[in-house]
Amino acid sequence: MPRSRIVTVNGKTLKIEEKRIGELEALAEKVGASFGGALAANTVGDLSGTVKAVLYEKIPEIIPELTSDDIKNAYPSEIEALVEAFVDVNFTGVRQLLGQAMPLLQAGLTQKR
């Protein structure tokens, strides 16, 4: 059964559900270019434009129940909770696995020295 969390953004109650691997890959392709723009930004204006594009365009693509107006009228804490819920339901397993693997990797690196 997929994981899910309930969050509220601009008065809308949303159920954030775990996505399938293929869905996450497609989202990564859509959203990845926007984050690449943030890394390549040379000015505050460039960065501001990229952040606005992610907020007003990409979040509604990922969460179709939200509009750019919902994002514009949301509290920053609501956007934070939305992103946290998305990461939690989709990547908690990966984080736990990496957390368990890190001591093994560190031990292996220490032994090689």
N, C-alpha and C. Protein backbone atom coordinates (compact mmCIF):
# COMPACT_ATOMS: atom_id res chain seq x y z
N MET A 1 0.85 -1.18 0.00
CA MET A 1 0.00 0.00 0.00
C MET A 1 0.89 1.24 0.00
N PRO A 2 0.64 2.18 -0.91
CA PRO A 2 1.47 3.39 -0.97
C PRO A 2 1.31 4.26 0.27
N ARG A 3 2.41 4.93 0.64
CA ARG A 3 2.37 5.87 1.76
C ARG A 3 1.63 7.13 1.31
N SER A 4 1.09 7.86 2.30
CA SER A 4 0.45 9.14 1.99
C SER A 4 0.49 10.04 3.22
N ARG A 5 0.35 11.34 2.98
CA ARG A 5 0.23 12.34 4.05
C ARG A 5 -0.76 13.39 3.61
N ILE A 6 -1.42 13.98 4.58
CA ILE A 6 -2.38 15.04 4.33
C ILE A 6 -1.73 16.38 4.69
N VAL A 7 -1.83 17.35 3.77
CA VAL A 7 -1.35 18.71 4.03
C VAL A 7 -2.41 19.70 3.56
N THR A 8 -2.31 20.91 4.07
CA THR A 8 -3.22 21.98 3.65
C THR A 8 -2.40 23.12 3.06
N VAL A 9 -2.80 23.56 1.87
CA VAL A 9 -2.15 24.67 1.19
C VAL A 9 -3.24 25.62 0.72
N ASN A 10 -3.18 26.86 1.19
CA ASN A 10 -4.15 27.89 0.81
C ASN A 10 -5.59 27.42 1.03
N GLY A 11 -5.81 26.74 2.13
CA GLY A 11 -7.16 26.26 2.47
C GLY A 11 -7.58 24.97 1.78
N LYS A 12 -6.76 24.43 0.89
CA LYS A 12 -7.07 23.17 0.22
C LYS A 12 -6.39 22.03 0.96
N THR A 13 -7.16 21.01 1.30
CA THR A 13 -6.60 19.82 1.93
C THR A 13 -6.20 18.85 0.83
N LEU A 14 -4.94 18.46 0.84
CA LEU A 14 -4.39 17.59 -0.21
C LEU A 14 -3.85 16.30 0.38
N LYS A 15 -4.08 15.22 -0.32
CA LYS A 15 -3.50 13.94 0.06
C LYS A 15 -2.30 13.71 -0.85
N ILE A 16 -1.10 13.77 -0.28
CA ILE A 16 0.13 13.55 -1.03
C ILE A 16 0.43 12.06 -0.98
N GLU A 17 0.37 11.42 -2.14
CA GLU A 17 0.56 9.98 -2.21
C GLU A 17 1.90 9.61 -2.85
N GLU A 18 2.41 8.49 -2.42
CA GLU A 18 3.66 7.96 -2.97
C GLU A 18 3.48 7.69 -4.45
N LYS A 19 4.47 8.07 -5.23
CA LYS A 19 4.45 7.86 -6.68
C LYS A 19 5.24 6.60 -7.03
N ARG A 20 4.93 6.06 -8.18
CA ARG A 20 5.68 4.91 -8.70
C ARG A 20 7.03 5.41 -9.23
N ILE A 21 7.99 4.53 -9.34
CA ILE A 21 9.33 4.88 -9.79
C ILE A 21 9.28 5.58 -11.15
N GLY A 22 8.52 5.06 -12.08
CA GLY A 22 8.40 5.66 -13.40
C GLY A 22 7.84 7.08 -13.34
N GLU A 23 6.88 7.30 -12.46
CA GLU A 23 6.31 8.64 -12.29
C GLU A 23 7.36 9.60 -11.73
N LEU A 24 8.16 9.12 -10.78
CA LEU A 24 9.21 9.97 -10.20
C LEU A 24 10.27 10.31 -11.25
N GLU A 25 10.59 9.35 -12.11
CA GLU A 25 11.57 9.61 -13.18
C GLU A 25 11.05 10.70 -14.12
N ALA A 26 9.76 10.61 -14.49
CA ALA A 26 9.17 11.61 -15.38
C ALA A 26 9.16 12.99 -14.71
N LEU A 27 8.83 13.03 -13.42
CA LEU A 27 8.85 14.30 -12.69
C LEU A 27 10.25 14.88 -12.62
N ALA A 28 11.24 14.02 -12.40
CA ALA A 28 12.62 14.49 -12.32
C ALA A 28 13.05 15.14 -13.63
N GLU A 29 12.62 14.58 -14.75
CA GLU A 29 12.96 15.17 -16.05
C GLU A 29 12.31 16.54 -16.20
N LYS A 30 11.05 16.67 -15.79
CA LYS A 30 10.33 17.94 -15.91
C LYS A 30 10.95 19.02 -15.01
N VAL A 31 11.20 18.65 -13.78
CA VAL A 31 11.61 19.62 -12.77
C VAL A 31 13.12 19.85 -12.79
N GLY A 32 13.87 18.87 -13.22
CA GLY A 32 15.33 18.96 -13.18
C GLY A 32 15.89 20.16 -13.91
N ALA A 33 15.33 20.51 -15.06
CA ALA A 33 15.83 21.65 -15.83
C ALA A 33 15.67 22.94 -15.04
N SER A 34 14.61 23.07 -14.28
CA SER A 34 14.40 24.28 -13.49
C SER A 34 15.46 24.42 -12.42
N PHE A 35 15.80 23.33 -11.76
CA PHE A 35 16.82 23.40 -10.72
C PHE A 35 18.20 23.63 -11.33
N GLY A 36 18.40 23.13 -12.54
CA GLY A 36 19.64 23.42 -13.24
C GLY A 36 19.79 24.91 -13.48
N GLY A 37 18.67 25.57 -13.76
CA GLY A 37 18.68 27.03 -13.93
C GLY A 37 19.07 27.74 -12.66
N ALA A 38 18.64 27.21 -11.52
CA ALA A 38 18.99 27.83 -10.23
C ALA A 38 20.49 27.71 -9.99
N LEU A 39 21.06 26.59 -10.36
CA LEU A 39 22.50 26.39 -10.16
C LEU A 39 23.32 27.26 -11.10
N ALA A 40 22.77 27.56 -12.27
CA ALA A 40 23.49 28.35 -13.26
C ALA A 40 23.23 29.86 -13.13
N ALA A 41 22.38 30.25 -12.19
CA ALA A 41 22.03 31.66 -12.05
C ALA A 41 23.26 32.50 -11.71
N ASN A 42 23.39 33.61 -12.42
CA ASN A 42 24.51 34.51 -12.19
C ASN A 42 24.13 35.74 -11.39
N THR A 43 22.85 36.03 -11.34
CA THR A 43 22.39 37.21 -10.62
C THR A 43 21.20 36.84 -9.73
N VAL A 44 20.89 37.71 -8.81
CA VAL A 44 19.72 37.50 -7.95
C VAL A 44 18.46 37.47 -8.80
N GLY A 45 18.42 38.28 -9.85
CA GLY A 45 17.27 38.29 -10.76
C GLY A 45 17.09 36.95 -11.45
N ASP A 46 18.20 36.36 -11.90
CA ASP A 46 18.14 35.03 -12.53
C ASP A 46 17.60 34.00 -11.55
N LEU A 47 18.13 34.04 -10.32
CA LEU A 47 17.71 33.09 -9.31
C LEU A 47 16.24 33.30 -8.95
N SER A 48 15.83 34.54 -8.82
CA SER A 48 14.45 34.86 -8.50
C SER A 48 13.50 34.33 -9.57
N GLY A 49 13.86 34.50 -10.83
CA GLY A 49 13.03 34.00 -11.92
C GLY A 49 12.91 32.49 -11.89
N THR A 50 14.01 31.82 -11.58
CA THR A 50 14.00 30.36 -11.50
C THR A 50 13.14 29.88 -10.34
N VAL A 51 13.27 30.52 -9.19
CA VAL A 51 12.47 30.14 -8.02
C VAL A 51 10.98 30.34 -8.31
N LYS A 52 10.64 31.45 -8.95
CA LYS A 52 9.23 31.70 -9.30
C LYS A 52 8.71 30.63 -10.26
N ALA A 53 9.55 30.25 -11.23
CA ALA A 53 9.14 29.21 -12.19
C ALA A 53 8.88 27.90 -11.48
N VAL A 54 9.75 27.54 -10.55
CA VAL A 54 9.56 26.29 -9.80
C VAL A 54 8.28 26.38 -8.99
N LEU A 55 8.10 27.48 -8.26
CA LEU A 55 6.92 27.61 -7.39
C LEU A 55 5.62 27.65 -8.19
N TYR A 56 5.55 28.54 -9.16
CA TYR A 56 4.28 28.79 -9.85
C TYR A 56 3.98 27.83 -11.00
N GLU A 57 5.01 27.19 -11.56
CA GLU A 57 4.78 26.29 -12.69
C GLU A 57 4.99 24.83 -12.32
N LYS A 58 6.09 24.53 -11.65
CA LYS A 58 6.44 23.13 -11.42
C LYS A 58 5.62 22.48 -10.30
N ILE A 59 5.39 23.21 -9.21
CA ILE A 59 4.59 22.61 -8.13
C ILE A 59 3.20 22.25 -8.64
N PRO A 60 2.50 23.14 -9.40
CA PRO A 60 1.21 22.71 -9.95
C PRO A 60 1.30 21.53 -10.92
N GLU A 61 2.45 21.36 -11.60
CA GLU A 61 2.61 20.17 -12.46
C GLU A 61 2.71 18.90 -11.61
N ILE A 62 3.41 19.01 -10.48
CA ILE A 62 3.60 17.86 -9.61
C ILE A 62 2.33 17.57 -8.81
N ILE A 63 1.67 18.63 -8.34
CA ILE A 63 0.44 18.52 -7.54
C ILE A 63 -0.66 19.25 -8.32
N PRO A 64 -1.35 18.56 -9.25
CA PRO A 64 -2.31 19.23 -10.13
C PRO A 64 -3.49 19.91 -9.41
N GLU A 65 -3.75 19.52 -8.17
CA GLU A 65 -4.85 20.15 -7.43
C GLU A 65 -4.53 21.60 -7.07
N LEU A 66 -3.25 21.98 -7.16
CA LEU A 66 -2.83 23.34 -6.83
C LEU A 66 -2.67 24.17 -8.09
N THR A 67 -3.00 25.45 -7.97
CA THR A 67 -2.81 26.39 -9.07
C THR A 67 -1.71 27.37 -8.68
N SER A 68 -1.25 28.15 -9.64
CA SER A 68 -0.26 29.16 -9.32
C SER A 68 -0.82 30.18 -8.33
N ASP A 69 -2.13 30.44 -8.39
CA ASP A 69 -2.76 31.34 -7.41
C ASP A 69 -2.72 30.74 -6.01
N ASP A 70 -2.92 29.42 -5.90
CA ASP A 70 -2.82 28.76 -4.59
C ASP A 70 -1.42 28.95 -4.02
N ILE A 71 -0.41 28.80 -4.87
CA ILE A 71 0.97 28.95 -4.41
C ILE A 71 1.20 30.40 -3.98
N LYS A 72 0.74 31.34 -4.79
CA LYS A 72 0.94 32.76 -4.51
C LYS A 72 0.30 33.17 -3.18
N ASN A 73 -0.84 32.56 -2.85
CA ASN A 73 -1.57 32.91 -1.64
C ASN A 73 -1.27 32.01 -0.45
N ALA A 74 -0.35 31.08 -0.62
CA ALA A 74 0.01 30.16 0.47
C ALA A 74 1.04 30.80 1.40
N TYR A 75 1.05 30.32 2.61
CA TYR A 75 2.10 30.70 3.55
C TYR A 75 3.35 29.89 3.22
N PRO A 76 4.53 30.46 3.44
CA PRO A 76 5.76 29.68 3.21
C PRO A 76 5.77 28.37 4.00
N SER A 77 5.21 28.39 5.20
CA SER A 77 5.18 27.16 6.00
C SER A 77 4.31 26.08 5.35
N GLU A 78 3.30 26.48 4.59
CA GLU A 78 2.46 25.51 3.88
C GLU A 78 3.24 24.87 2.74
N ILE A 79 4.04 25.68 2.03
CA ILE A 79 4.86 25.14 0.94
C ILE A 79 5.92 24.21 1.52
N GLU A 80 6.49 24.61 2.64
CA GLU A 80 7.47 23.77 3.33
C GLU A 80 6.85 22.43 3.72
N ALA A 81 5.65 22.45 4.28
CA ALA A 81 4.98 21.21 4.68
C ALA A 81 4.65 20.35 3.46
N LEU A 82 4.28 20.98 2.35
CA LEU A 82 3.98 20.26 1.11
C LEU A 82 5.21 19.53 0.60
N VAL A 83 6.32 20.25 0.53
CA VAL A 83 7.57 19.65 0.03
C VAL A 83 8.03 18.55 0.99
N GLU A 84 7.93 18.81 2.28
CA GLU A 84 8.32 17.81 3.28
C GLU A 84 7.48 16.55 3.14
N ALA A 85 6.18 16.70 2.93
CA ALA A 85 5.30 15.54 2.76
C ALA A 85 5.66 14.76 1.50
N PHE A 86 5.93 15.48 0.40
CA PHE A 86 6.29 14.82 -0.85
C PHE A 86 7.57 14.01 -0.68
N VAL A 87 8.56 14.61 -0.07
CA VAL A 87 9.84 13.91 0.16
C VAL A 87 9.63 12.73 1.11
N ASP A 88 8.85 12.95 2.15
CA ASP A 88 8.62 11.90 3.14
C ASP A 88 7.96 10.67 2.52
N VAL A 89 6.89 10.85 1.75
CA VAL A 89 6.19 9.69 1.21
C VAL A 89 6.94 9.02 0.06
N ASN A 90 7.79 9.77 -0.64
CA ASN A 90 8.47 9.20 -1.80
C ASN A 90 9.91 8.77 -1.56
N PHE A 91 10.56 9.34 -0.55
CA PHE A 91 11.99 9.08 -0.40
C PHE A 91 12.42 8.62 0.98
N THR A 92 11.48 8.39 1.89
CA THR A 92 11.84 7.94 3.23
C THR A 92 12.62 6.63 3.19
N GLY A 93 12.18 5.70 2.38
CA GLY A 93 12.87 4.42 2.27
C GLY A 93 14.30 4.57 1.80
N VAL A 94 14.51 5.45 0.84
CA VAL A 94 15.86 5.69 0.32
C VAL A 94 16.72 6.31 1.42
N ARG A 95 16.16 7.29 2.15
CA ARG A 95 16.92 7.92 3.24
C ARG A 95 17.30 6.90 4.30
N GLN A 96 16.36 6.01 4.65
CA GLN A 96 16.66 5.01 5.67
C GLN A 96 17.74 4.05 5.19
N LEU A 97 17.64 3.65 3.94
CA LEU A 97 18.63 2.74 3.38
C LEU A 97 20.01 3.39 3.35
N LEU A 98 20.07 4.66 2.91
CA LEU A 98 21.35 5.36 2.89
C LEU A 98 21.90 5.55 4.30
N GLY A 99 21.01 5.82 5.26
CA GLY A 99 21.44 5.98 6.65
C GLY A 99 22.09 4.72 7.18
N GLN A 100 21.56 3.56 6.78
CA GLN A 100 22.12 2.29 7.23
C GLN A 100 23.40 1.95 6.47
N ALA A 101 23.48 2.40 5.21
CA ALA A 101 24.65 2.07 4.39
C ALA A 101 25.85 2.96 4.69
N MET A 102 25.61 4.18 5.17
CA MET A 102 26.72 5.12 5.40
C MET A 102 27.78 4.58 6.35
N PRO A 103 27.42 4.00 7.50
CA PRO A 103 28.48 3.46 8.37
C PRO A 103 29.32 2.38 7.68
N LEU A 104 28.67 1.57 6.85
CA LEU A 104 29.41 0.53 6.12
C LEU A 104 30.37 1.16 5.11
N LEU A 105 29.89 2.19 4.41
CA LEU A 105 30.75 2.88 3.44
C LEU A 105 31.92 3.56 4.13
N GLN A 106 31.64 4.20 5.26
CA GLN A 106 32.70 4.87 6.00
C GLN A 106 33.73 3.87 6.52
N ALA A 107 33.25 2.73 7.00
CA ALA A 107 34.17 1.70 7.50
C ALA A 107 35.06 1.19 6.36
N GLY A 108 34.46 1.01 5.17
CA GLY A 108 35.22 0.55 4.03
C GLY A 108 36.28 1.57 3.59
N LEU A 109 35.93 2.84 3.64
CA LEU A 109 36.88 3.88 3.28
C LEU A 109 38.02 3.96 4.30
N THR A 110 37.70 3.78 5.57
CA THR A 110 38.71 3.83 6.62
C THR A 110 39.70 2.67 6.47
N GLN A 111 39.21 1.49 6.11
CA GLN A 111 40.07 0.33 5.97
C GLN A 111 41.02 0.46 4.78
N LYS A 112 40.61 1.19 3.72
CA LYS A 112 41.44 1.35 2.53
C LYS A 112 42.63 2.24 2.77
N ARG A 113 42.57 3.10 3.79
CA ARG A 113 43.67 4.06 4.05
C ARG A 113 44.80 3.39 4.69
